[in-house]
């Protein structure tokens, strides 16, 4: 690995769209894959190696500020940069009426979806510098019935991302926000049980489409 190696940091990389993006980028980037699920990361690493790529696995919780500080310091010390950051990590709370919101679920969703993003942006921005690229993934559910916890915390994440995008137009890094098509992921299954998954866009196809847009 040389100073010219391109680094793609993917938070939420063990499954779903994050894993598909990692595999799609592997031929061109060294992947730094972050997720809580060690087994999922190891399986991803096997697939990346089969594609001839390389990965660094970081089994960490993005809601742990100390872990994220350690991660970003490690990236800085080893490579000094991140070329591309794809933030796919999300906590999906069960659908529930607003008057039955579970305080523990609310706290977990706020910590993972909103607070973690507010911590990651300042940590990762110096690694991205002026030329890097950060990508966030919108799923607009705010105000829809039963989506109170997820919709509110996802909206908070997007508000941060939109502000950062507006602030960096002239200075960099580039900040993009995309809205993926419906995919047969665990997130989708939780919100739409019994749905015909064969009718949805595969994560691999959606990863290819999104990267082409970027």
Protein backbone atom coordinates (compact mmCIF):
# COMPACT_ATOMS: atom_id res chain seq x y z
CA UNK A 1 0.00 0.00 0.00
CA UNK A 2 1.42 3.38 -1.01
CA UNK A 3 0.70 7.05 -0.36
CA UNK A 4 -1.35 6.96 -3.56
CA UNK A 5 -3.73 4.34 -2.15
CA UNK A 6 -7.27 5.61 -2.07
CA UNK A 7 -9.10 5.05 1.22
CA UNK A 8 -12.85 4.51 1.46
CA UNK A 9 -14.29 4.62 4.98
CA UNK A 10 -17.68 2.92 5.24
CA UNK A 11 -19.61 3.21 8.49
CA UNK A 12 -22.24 0.49 8.62
CA UNK A 13 -20.35 -1.84 6.29
CA UNK A 14 -21.22 -5.32 7.51
CA UNK A 15 -24.42 -5.81 5.52
CA UNK A 16 -26.97 -4.21 3.22
CA UNK A 17 -26.04 -1.21 1.12
CA UNK A 18 -22.86 -0.56 3.10
CA UNK A 19 -21.48 -4.00 2.30
CA UNK A 20 -22.51 -3.71 -1.35
CA UNK A 21 -20.76 -0.34 -1.63
CA UNK A 22 -17.63 -1.81 -0.05
CA UNK A 23 -17.54 -4.62 -2.58
CA UNK A 24 -18.16 -2.27 -5.50
CA UNK A 25 -15.34 0.04 -4.37
CA UNK A 26 -12.86 -2.70 -3.45
CA UNK A 27 -11.12 -2.92 -6.84
CA UNK A 28 -10.17 0.77 -6.61
CA UNK A 29 -10.05 1.61 -2.89
CA UNK A 30 -8.68 0.14 0.30
CA UNK A 31 -11.82 -0.30 2.41
CA UNK A 32 -11.97 0.67 6.08
CA UNK A 33 -15.11 -1.18 7.15
CA UNK A 34 -16.82 -0.16 10.38
CA UNK A 35 -19.69 -2.06 12.00
CA UNK A 36 -20.65 -3.66 15.29
CA UNK A 37 -21.01 -7.15 13.80
CA UNK A 38 -17.61 -8.86 13.68
CA UNK A 39 -18.92 -11.88 11.79
CA UNK A 40 -20.47 -9.71 9.12
CA UNK A 41 -17.24 -7.79 8.68
CA UNK A 42 -15.21 -10.99 8.36
CA UNK A 43 -17.58 -12.29 5.68
CA UNK A 44 -17.26 -8.97 3.86
CA UNK A 45 -13.48 -9.20 4.05
CA UNK A 46 -13.61 -12.66 2.44
CA UNK A 47 -15.67 -11.28 -0.44
CA UNK A 48 -13.37 -8.27 -0.86
CA UNK A 49 -10.30 -10.53 -0.95
CA UNK A 50 -12.01 -12.71 -3.56
CA UNK A 51 -12.35 -9.57 -5.68
CA UNK A 52 -8.64 -8.89 -5.29
CA UNK A 53 -9.18 -6.00 -2.90
CA UNK A 54 -8.05 -5.25 0.64
CA UNK A 55 -9.85 -4.11 3.76
CA UNK A 56 -9.20 -3.03 7.31
CA UNK A 57 -11.92 -4.22 9.66
CA UNK A 58 -13.04 -2.01 12.55
CA UNK A 59 -15.61 -3.81 14.73
CA UNK A 60 -16.76 -0.72 16.57
CA UNK A 61 -19.96 1.03 17.64
CA UNK A 62 -20.29 4.44 15.98
CA UNK A 63 -22.26 5.59 19.03
CA UNK A 64 -19.11 5.23 21.16
CA UNK A 65 -17.21 8.54 20.88
CA UNK A 66 -13.99 7.06 22.28
CA UNK A 67 -14.05 4.25 19.71
CA UNK A 68 -14.58 6.74 16.89
CA UNK A 69 -11.74 8.92 18.15
CA UNK A 70 -9.49 5.84 18.19
CA UNK A 71 -10.62 4.88 14.68
CA UNK A 72 -9.95 8.28 13.18
CA UNK A 73 -6.61 8.63 14.93
CA UNK A 74 -5.62 5.23 13.58
CA UNK A 75 -6.60 6.23 10.05
CA UNK A 76 -4.63 9.45 10.39
CA UNK A 77 -1.53 7.69 11.67
CA UNK A 78 -1.62 4.98 9.01
CA UNK A 79 -2.79 6.83 5.88
CA UNK A 80 -3.21 10.47 6.83
CA UNK A 81 -6.42 10.79 4.85
CA UNK A 82 -9.81 9.48 3.79
CA UNK A 83 -10.76 9.95 0.14
CA UNK A 84 -14.34 8.79 0.46
CA UNK A 85 -16.65 8.42 3.47
CA UNK A 86 -19.94 6.58 3.02
CA UNK A 87 -22.17 6.76 6.10
CA UNK A 88 -24.74 3.95 5.92
CA UNK A 89 -24.96 3.06 9.63
CA UNK A 90 -28.43 3.46 11.10
CA UNK A 91 -30.51 2.26 14.02
CA UNK A 92 -33.99 1.16 13.02
CA UNK A 93 -36.53 1.28 15.80
CA UNK A 94 -39.71 -0.76 15.62
CA UNK A 95 -42.69 1.06 14.18
CA UNK A 96 -44.82 2.43 16.99
CA UNK A 97 -47.39 5.18 17.63
CA UNK A 98 -45.88 8.37 19.01
CA UNK A 99 -47.72 7.94 22.30
CA UNK A 100 -46.04 4.55 22.83
CA UNK A 101 -42.45 5.64 22.21
CA UNK A 102 -40.03 3.60 24.32
CA UNK A 103 -37.53 5.95 26.02
CA UNK A 104 -34.72 3.39 25.67
CA UNK A 105 -35.37 2.99 21.95
CA UNK A 106 -35.53 6.76 21.54
CA UNK A 107 -32.18 7.20 23.28
CA UNK A 108 -30.55 4.48 21.20
CA UNK A 109 -31.85 5.95 17.95
CA UNK A 110 -30.78 9.47 18.90
CA UNK A 111 -27.31 8.26 19.87
CA UNK A 112 -26.75 6.23 16.69
CA UNK A 113 -28.58 8.27 14.07
CA UNK A 114 -28.03 11.83 15.25
CA UNK A 115 -25.41 12.18 17.98
CA UNK A 116 -22.93 9.80 16.33
CA UNK A 117 -23.19 11.80 13.09
CA UNK A 118 -22.50 15.02 14.99
CA UNK A 119 -19.33 13.41 16.38
CA UNK A 120 -18.18 11.71 13.19
CA UNK A 121 -18.34 14.81 11.00
CA UNK A 122 -15.79 16.79 13.07
CA UNK A 123 -13.57 13.71 13.41
CA UNK A 124 -13.60 12.77 9.72
CA UNK A 125 -13.62 16.23 8.12
CA UNK A 126 -9.87 16.78 8.69
CA UNK A 127 -9.16 13.38 7.13
CA UNK A 128 -11.22 14.29 4.07
CA UNK A 129 -9.55 17.68 3.70
CA UNK A 130 -10.59 19.84 0.77
CA UNK A 131 -10.59 17.09 -1.85
CA UNK A 132 -12.43 14.28 -0.04
CA UNK A 133 -16.03 13.26 -0.50
CA UNK A 134 -18.63 12.41 2.16
CA UNK A 135 -21.88 10.68 1.23
CA UNK A 136 -25.05 10.38 3.32
CA UNK A 137 -28.17 8.36 2.56
CA UNK A 138 -31.61 9.84 3.04
CA UNK A 139 -34.76 7.90 3.88
CA UNK A 140 -37.42 10.57 4.41
CA UNK A 141 -39.96 9.18 6.88
CA UNK A 142 -40.38 12.19 9.20
CA UNK A 143 -44.04 12.85 9.90
CA UNK A 144 -45.27 9.48 8.62
CA UNK A 145 -47.43 7.52 11.01
CA UNK A 146 -45.60 5.03 13.26
CA UNK A 147 -42.17 6.30 12.10
CA UNK A 148 -41.80 8.75 14.98
CA UNK A 149 -38.46 7.53 16.37
CA UNK A 150 -36.79 6.60 13.09
CA UNK A 151 -38.22 9.52 11.14
CA UNK A 152 -37.22 12.13 13.70
CA UNK A 153 -33.68 10.87 14.27
CA UNK A 154 -33.02 10.28 10.57
CA UNK A 155 -34.27 13.81 9.85
CA UNK A 156 -31.82 15.15 12.45
CA UNK A 157 -28.99 13.29 10.73
CA UNK A 158 -29.99 14.72 7.36
CA UNK A 159 -30.21 18.24 8.78
CA UNK A 160 -26.58 17.97 9.87
CA UNK A 161 -25.56 16.59 6.48
CA UNK A 162 -27.39 19.31 4.54
CA UNK A 163 -25.83 22.04 6.68
CA UNK A 164 -22.36 20.58 6.17
CA UNK A 165 -22.98 20.33 2.43
CA UNK A 166 -23.99 24.01 2.28
CA UNK A 167 -21.00 25.08 4.36
CA UNK A 168 -18.41 23.27 2.25
CA UNK A 169 -19.54 24.25 -1.24
CA UNK A 170 -16.51 26.48 -1.78
CA UNK A 171 -13.99 24.99 0.61
CA UNK A 172 -14.57 21.24 0.38
CA UNK A 173 -14.86 18.45 1.20
CA UNK A 174 -17.64 17.59 -1.18
CA UNK A 175 -20.76 16.41 0.66
CA UNK A 176 -23.45 14.46 -1.20
CA UNK A 177 -26.86 13.23 -0.07
CA UNK A 178 -28.57 10.50 -2.06
CA UNK A 179 -31.85 8.66 -1.64
CA UNK A 180 -31.46 4.94 -2.40
CA UNK A 181 -34.16 2.92 -4.09
CA UNK A 182 -36.06 0.34 -1.97
CA UNK A 183 -33.78 -2.66 -1.42
CA UNK A 184 -34.24 -6.07 0.27
CA UNK A 185 -32.27 -5.08 3.38
CA UNK A 186 -32.84 -5.83 7.05
CA UNK A 187 -33.94 -2.22 7.52
CA UNK A 188 -36.57 -2.56 4.81
CA UNK A 189 -37.76 -5.91 6.17
CA UNK A 190 -38.33 -4.43 9.60
CA UNK A 191 -40.55 -1.70 8.21
CA UNK A 192 -42.26 -3.78 5.50
CA UNK A 193 -42.65 -7.38 6.74
CA UNK A 194 -44.10 -9.74 4.17
CA UNK A 195 -43.14 -7.54 1.24
CA UNK A 196 -42.17 -9.24 -2.04
CA UNK A 197 -38.40 -8.80 -1.80
CA UNK A 198 -37.85 -10.07 -5.34
CA UNK A 199 -39.51 -6.91 -6.64
CA UNK A 200 -36.94 -4.66 -4.94
CA UNK A 201 -33.64 -3.38 -6.33
CA UNK A 202 -30.68 -5.50 -5.24
CA UNK A 203 -28.09 -3.83 -3.03
CA UNK A 204 -25.39 -4.59 -5.60
CA UNK A 205 -27.33 -2.88 -8.40
CA UNK A 206 -28.15 0.09 -6.20
CA UNK A 207 -24.52 0.44 -5.10
CA UNK A 208 -23.48 0.53 -8.77
CA UNK A 209 -26.11 3.18 -9.55
CA UNK A 210 -25.15 5.37 -6.60
CA UNK A 211 -21.43 5.23 -7.32
CA UNK A 212 -22.11 6.14 -10.94
CA UNK A 213 -24.01 9.21 -9.73
CA UNK A 214 -21.13 10.23 -7.47
